Protein backbone atom coordinates (compact mmCIF):
# COMPACT_ATOMS: atom_id res chain seq x y z
CA MET A 1 8.76 35.02 30.23
CA ARG A 2 10.63 36.35 26.77
CA VAL A 3 13.54 33.42 27.72
CA ALA A 4 10.85 30.94 28.87
CA ALA A 5 8.95 31.40 25.19
CA ALA A 6 12.13 31.48 23.54
CA GLY A 7 13.14 27.72 25.24
CA LEU A 8 9.58 26.41 24.18
CA ILE A 9 10.11 27.34 20.45
CA LEU A 10 13.21 25.78 20.60
CA LEU A 11 11.72 22.49 22.33
CA ALA A 12 8.96 22.82 19.69
CA LEU A 13 11.45 23.08 16.76
CA ALA A 14 13.29 20.20 18.27
CA SER A 15 10.70 17.41 18.29
CA CYS A 16 9.96 18.20 14.77
CA GLY A 17 13.46 16.97 13.92
CA PRO A 18 14.30 13.71 12.73
CA ARG A 19 14.10 11.19 15.49
CA HIS A 20 16.76 9.28 16.89
CA GLY A 21 17.47 5.72 14.78
CA ASP A 22 14.99 7.75 11.88
CA PRO A 23 17.31 9.54 10.20
CA LEU A 24 14.95 10.43 7.19
CA GLY A 25 12.55 12.08 9.66
CA PRO A 26 8.46 11.63 9.87
CA ASP A 27 8.23 13.70 6.96
CA TRP A 28 10.92 13.38 4.29
CA LEU A 29 8.46 10.97 1.87
CA PRO A 30 6.22 13.44 -0.32
CA GLU A 31 2.45 13.04 -0.16
CA ALA A 32 0.91 10.56 -2.57
CA PRO A 33 -2.68 11.04 -4.36
CA ARG A 34 -5.26 8.31 -3.50
CA PRO A 35 -5.08 6.02 -6.68
CA THR A 36 -7.87 4.88 -8.72
CA TRP A 37 -8.90 1.43 -8.60
CA GLY A 38 -5.98 -1.02 -9.98
CA ARG A 39 -3.91 1.86 -10.76
CA THR A 40 -1.11 3.43 -8.50
CA TRP A 41 -0.04 7.06 -9.18
CA ARG A 42 3.74 7.24 -10.90
CA ALA A 43 6.07 10.31 -10.48
CA SER A 44 7.17 12.01 -13.90
CA PRO A 45 10.44 10.65 -14.98
CA PRO A 46 13.42 12.90 -13.73
CA GLY A 47 14.62 13.98 -17.06
CA PRO A 48 15.76 11.85 -20.47
CA VAL A 49 17.76 8.97 -18.72
CA ALA A 50 18.22 5.67 -19.74
CA GLU A 51 15.76 3.12 -17.45
CA ARG A 52 17.47 -0.22 -16.44
CA THR A 53 14.85 -2.97 -17.15
CA ILE A 54 13.91 -5.87 -14.49
CA ASP A 55 17.03 -7.83 -15.97
CA HIS A 56 19.45 -5.11 -14.29
CA ILE A 57 17.48 -4.69 -10.82
CA ALA A 58 15.82 -8.04 -9.72
CA ASP A 59 18.84 -9.43 -8.84
CA GLY A 60 19.22 -6.82 -6.23
CA ILE A 61 15.91 -6.91 -4.53
CA VAL A 62 14.18 -10.73 -5.33
CA GLY A 63 14.44 -12.64 -2.19
CA VAL A 64 16.47 -9.72 -0.01
CA GLU A 65 15.41 -10.36 3.57
CA ARG A 66 15.90 -6.63 4.47
CA PHE A 67 12.86 -5.56 2.17
CA ARG A 68 10.40 -8.39 3.42
CA ALA A 69 11.14 -7.56 6.70
CA CYS A 70 10.36 -3.92 5.98
CA LEU A 71 6.90 -5.02 4.87
CA ARG A 72 6.11 -8.14 7.25
CA PRO A 73 4.75 -5.80 10.10
CA SER A 74 2.29 -4.08 7.74
CA ARG A 75 -1.94 -4.99 8.60
CA SER A 76 -2.69 -3.79 5.03
CA GLN A 77 -3.83 -6.14 2.88
CA GLY A 78 -2.92 -6.01 -0.85
CA LEU A 79 -0.58 -3.64 -0.18
CA VAL A 80 0.98 -2.04 -3.75
CA LEU A 81 3.70 0.28 -3.23
CA THR A 82 6.22 1.43 -5.87
CA VAL A 83 9.31 3.18 -5.55
CA ARG A 84 11.51 5.20 -8.12
CA PHE A 85 15.18 5.74 -7.99
CA SER A 86 18.39 6.68 -9.76
CA ILE A 87 21.25 4.24 -10.05
CA ARG A 88 24.60 5.52 -10.55
CA ARG A 89 27.40 4.21 -13.07
CA ASP A 90 28.92 2.43 -9.96
CA GLY A 91 25.56 0.42 -9.20
CA SER A 92 24.78 3.12 -5.85
CA VAL A 93 21.39 4.20 -5.23
CA GLN A 94 20.65 7.31 -5.59
CA ASN A 95 17.68 9.59 -4.71
CA PRO A 96 15.02 6.55 -4.00
CA THR A 97 11.23 8.12 -3.95
CA LEU A 98 7.75 7.20 -3.51
CA ALA A 99 6.18 7.11 -6.38
CA GLY A 100 2.77 5.41 -5.39
CA THR A 101 0.87 3.61 -3.06
CA THR A 102 -2.41 1.85 -2.52
CA GLU A 103 -2.31 2.77 1.50
CA ARG A 104 0.15 4.96 3.22
CA GLU A 105 2.30 3.73 6.00
CA PRO A 106 5.06 6.36 6.50
CA ALA A 107 7.22 3.80 8.80
CA LEU A 108 7.22 1.09 6.35
CA GLU A 109 7.80 3.62 3.56
CA ARG A 110 10.86 4.80 5.40
CA CYS A 111 12.27 1.62 5.87
CA LEU A 112 12.01 0.19 2.13
CA LEU A 113 13.68 3.35 0.96
CA ALA A 114 16.62 3.27 3.58
CA ALA A 115 16.91 -0.62 2.45
CA LEU A 116 17.08 0.46 -0.87
CA ALA A 117 19.77 3.43 -0.55
CA ARG A 118 21.61 0.62 1.13
CA THR A 119 21.40 -1.76 -2.35
CA ARG A 120 24.21 -2.39 -4.81
CA PHE A 121 23.18 -2.96 -8.37
CA VAL A 122 25.59 -4.14 -10.72
CA ALA A 123 27.87 -1.46 -12.36
CA ALA A 124 26.63 0.00 -15.53
CA GLY A 125 28.17 2.63 -18.41
CA SER A 126 25.78 5.19 -17.64
CA GLU A 127 23.49 6.46 -14.77
CA SER A 128 19.73 5.11 -14.96
CA ILE A 129 16.64 5.47 -13.54
CA ALA A 130 14.73 2.16 -11.92
CA GLU A 131 11.10 1.62 -10.62
CA TRP A 132 9.81 -1.26 -8.33
CA THR A 133 6.45 -2.39 -6.90
CA PHE A 134 6.69 -3.93 -3.82
CA VAL A 135 3.52 -6.09 -2.81
CA HIS A 136 2.25 -7.30 0.86
CA ARG A 137 -0.14 -9.88 0.97
CA VAL A 138 -1.23 -9.92 -2.69
CA LYS A 139 -5.14 -9.15 -3.26
CA LYS A 140 -7.26 -12.46 -4.04
CA GLY A 141 -10.10 -12.41 -6.36
CA VAL A 142 -11.78 -11.60 -9.66
CA LEU A 143 -9.80 -9.51 -12.09
CA GLY A 144 -11.55 -7.88 -14.97
CA ILE A 145 -10.80 -5.73 -17.54
CA PRO A 146 -11.75 -1.86 -16.90
CA ALA A 147 -14.47 -1.00 -19.18
CA VAL A 148 -12.36 1.12 -21.76
CA GLU A 149 -14.04 1.47 -25.30
CA GLY A 150 -11.91 -1.05 -27.81
CA SER A 151 -10.89 -3.29 -25.27
CA PRO A 152 -10.17 -6.78 -26.75
CA ALA A 153 -11.56 -9.68 -24.91
CA PRO A 154 -9.26 -11.34 -22.05
CA THR A 155 -6.37 -13.95 -23.12
CA SER A 156 -5.84 -16.91 -21.61
CA ARG A 157 -1.77 -16.74 -21.53
CA ALA A 158 0.90 -15.23 -20.60
CA PRO A 159 3.40 -13.21 -22.63
CA ALA A 160 6.27 -15.10 -23.16
CA PRO A 161 8.33 -15.01 -20.12
CA SER A 162 12.35 -13.33 -19.81
CA PRO A 163 14.91 -16.03 -20.44
CA LEU A 164 15.67 -14.99 -16.29
CA ALA A 165 12.03 -15.61 -15.18
CA ASP A 166 12.91 -19.03 -13.97
CA THR A 167 16.12 -17.63 -12.03
CA TRP A 168 13.97 -14.90 -10.40
CA LEU A 169 11.53 -17.35 -9.52
CA ARG A 170 13.89 -19.66 -7.90
CA ALA A 171 15.17 -16.67 -6.06
CA CYS A 172 11.71 -16.44 -4.77
CA TYR A 173 11.05 -19.64 -3.67
CA GLY A 174 14.67 -20.34 -2.48
CA ALA A 175 13.90 -17.65 0.40
CA GLY A 176 10.61 -19.49 0.87
CA ARG A 177 12.65 -22.88 1.14
CA ALA A 178 15.50 -21.30 3.52
CA VAL A 179 12.63 -21.19 6.24
CA ASP A 180 10.58 -24.50 5.23
CA PRO A 181 12.84 -26.90 3.36
CA GLU A 182 9.56 -29.16 2.22
CA LEU A 183 7.83 -26.02 1.27
CA ASN A 184 5.79 -27.29 -2.05
CA GLY A 185 2.71 -25.55 -3.56
CA HIS A 186 0.75 -24.21 -6.84
CA ILE A 187 0.43 -20.46 -7.41
CA ALA A 188 -1.82 -19.26 -9.77
CA PHE A 189 -1.81 -15.33 -10.66
CA ARG A 190 -4.02 -13.35 -12.95
CA TYR A 191 -2.61 -9.76 -14.17
CA LEU A 192 -3.84 -7.21 -16.20
CA ILE A 193 -1.40 -5.18 -18.72
CA ASP A 194 -2.70 -1.79 -19.82
CA PRO A 195 -2.03 -0.49 -23.29
CA SER A 196 1.33 0.88 -22.71
CA GLY A 197 2.89 -2.75 -21.61
CA ARG A 198 2.75 -2.32 -17.98
CA VAL A 199 1.09 -4.45 -15.28
CA ASN A 200 -1.60 -2.55 -13.77
CA ALA A 201 -3.15 -5.25 -11.08
CA VAL A 202 -2.49 -8.58 -9.71
CA ARG A 203 -4.79 -11.34 -8.28
CA ASP A 204 -4.35 -14.32 -6.72
CA GLU A 205 -6.71 -16.76 -8.33
CA GLY A 206 -6.23 -20.06 -5.95
CA SER A 207 -2.72 -20.36 -4.92
CA ARG A 208 -2.12 -23.10 -2.77
CA LEU A 209 0.99 -22.20 -0.75
CA SER A 210 1.70 -21.28 2.45
CA ASP A 211 4.42 -19.10 2.60
CA HIS A 212 3.06 -15.46 1.78
CA ASP A 213 6.28 -13.88 1.49
CA VAL A 214 6.68 -16.02 -1.51
CA LEU A 215 3.42 -15.35 -3.34
CA ASP A 216 4.06 -11.59 -2.90
CA CYS A 217 7.38 -11.91 -4.18
CA VAL A 218 6.30 -13.60 -7.71
CA ALA A 219 3.43 -11.28 -7.71
CA GLU A 220 6.37 -8.28 -7.86
CA LEU A 221 7.82 -10.01 -10.58
CA LEU A 222 4.60 -10.01 -12.43
CA TYR A 223 4.34 -5.94 -11.90
CA ALA A 224 8.15 -5.94 -12.99
CA GLN A 225 7.31 -6.94 -16.17
CA ARG A 226 7.74 -4.49 -19.17
CA LEU A 227 5.62 -5.73 -22.13
CA ALA A 228 5.38 -4.55 -25.56
CA PRO A 229 2.53 -2.08 -25.98
CA HIS A 230 -0.94 -3.14 -27.87
CA SER A 231 -4.22 -1.90 -28.00
CA GLY A 232 -6.57 -1.94 -25.23
CA TYR A 233 -6.17 -3.96 -21.96
CA ARG A 234 -5.30 -7.46 -21.66
CA ILE A 235 -5.95 -10.10 -19.13
CA ALA A 236 -2.61 -13.22 -18.73
CA VAL A 237 -2.72 -15.85 -16.29
CA ARG A 238 0.64 -17.20 -14.79
CA THR A 239 0.64 -20.91 -13.07
CA VAL A 240 3.53 -21.98 -11.57
CA GLN A 241 4.12 -25.51 -9.59
CA LEU A 242 6.58 -25.62 -7.11
CA ARG A 243 8.19 -28.75 -5.95
CA SER A 244 10.97 -29.11 -3.05
CA THR A 245 13.15 -31.81 -5.06
CA SER A 246 16.84 -31.55 -5.38
CA PRO A 247 17.36 -29.37 -7.18
CA PHE A 248 13.56 -27.95 -6.81
CA VAL A 249 11.59 -28.02 -9.68
CA ILE A 250 9.48 -25.06 -11.01
CA THR A 251 6.65 -26.36 -13.70
CA ASP A 252 4.00 -24.17 -15.68
C-alpha cells in the first residue's frame, strides 16, 4: 500500500509540472487583479532603470506575425493585455511578465510571453525596461471621460504624432497588404489620455477596414504613446485613410 501511495504522489507531482511543448508551465504567470473600467492594472517598475519609449521597441513588435498569431485564436472581444519586460544591452529580452489584462487567457498569455522572449531589439548602451499593450478586436462604441473633478472638456484634435508614426502605421498596413494587396479603408479611433500622459482606453468609432489585425495594430500604437502630463483627462481623435496605391498612401 505504501509503495502504491508513493507512486500516486509522484504521478500527481509529475502532472503538475510543465507540459510537453509548454516549457513555461500552466501556472507560471502571476494572477492579475480584475481591472476597473478603462484601465489595466500595472505592475510596479522593477527599480530605477531607464524605460524605453515606443521609438525603441515598436520596430520589434509592430506588424510581427508571431504576436498576431498568438492573439487570433482568442474569442474575447476588446481584449487589452499589457506586458512588461527588461531589455539587456545586447537587445535581448529578460523577464517578460504579464502586467495587466481585461480577460484572463493563460494559453494566449504564455504564447505572447514566449514570443516576446524570442524578440531582439536594437542594442543600447544600458539595460532598460519596456511595456507594450496588445489588443484583440478593439472595442467599438462611445468613449467618455471619467467623472473626475476638474477634468477639461474633450479635445477634438490628436496630439502631435511621433516623427516615426507613419513608419509604424505603414508596418501595420503593410502586414495587412501582404494578405490582401488591394486592402483599402478608413480608420477612426477615439482614445482617452489620463493626467500622466498615458493612453488609458481606445475605441473604434466607425472604422471601415476589413482587416481586424490592422485595426488592432493601430490601436496598440495609440496605447504605446507617452504624452506630456496635463491636468485632468482628455479625449483625442485619430483618423487615417489607407489607400493601396504604389507606394501606398496614409492620410489624416
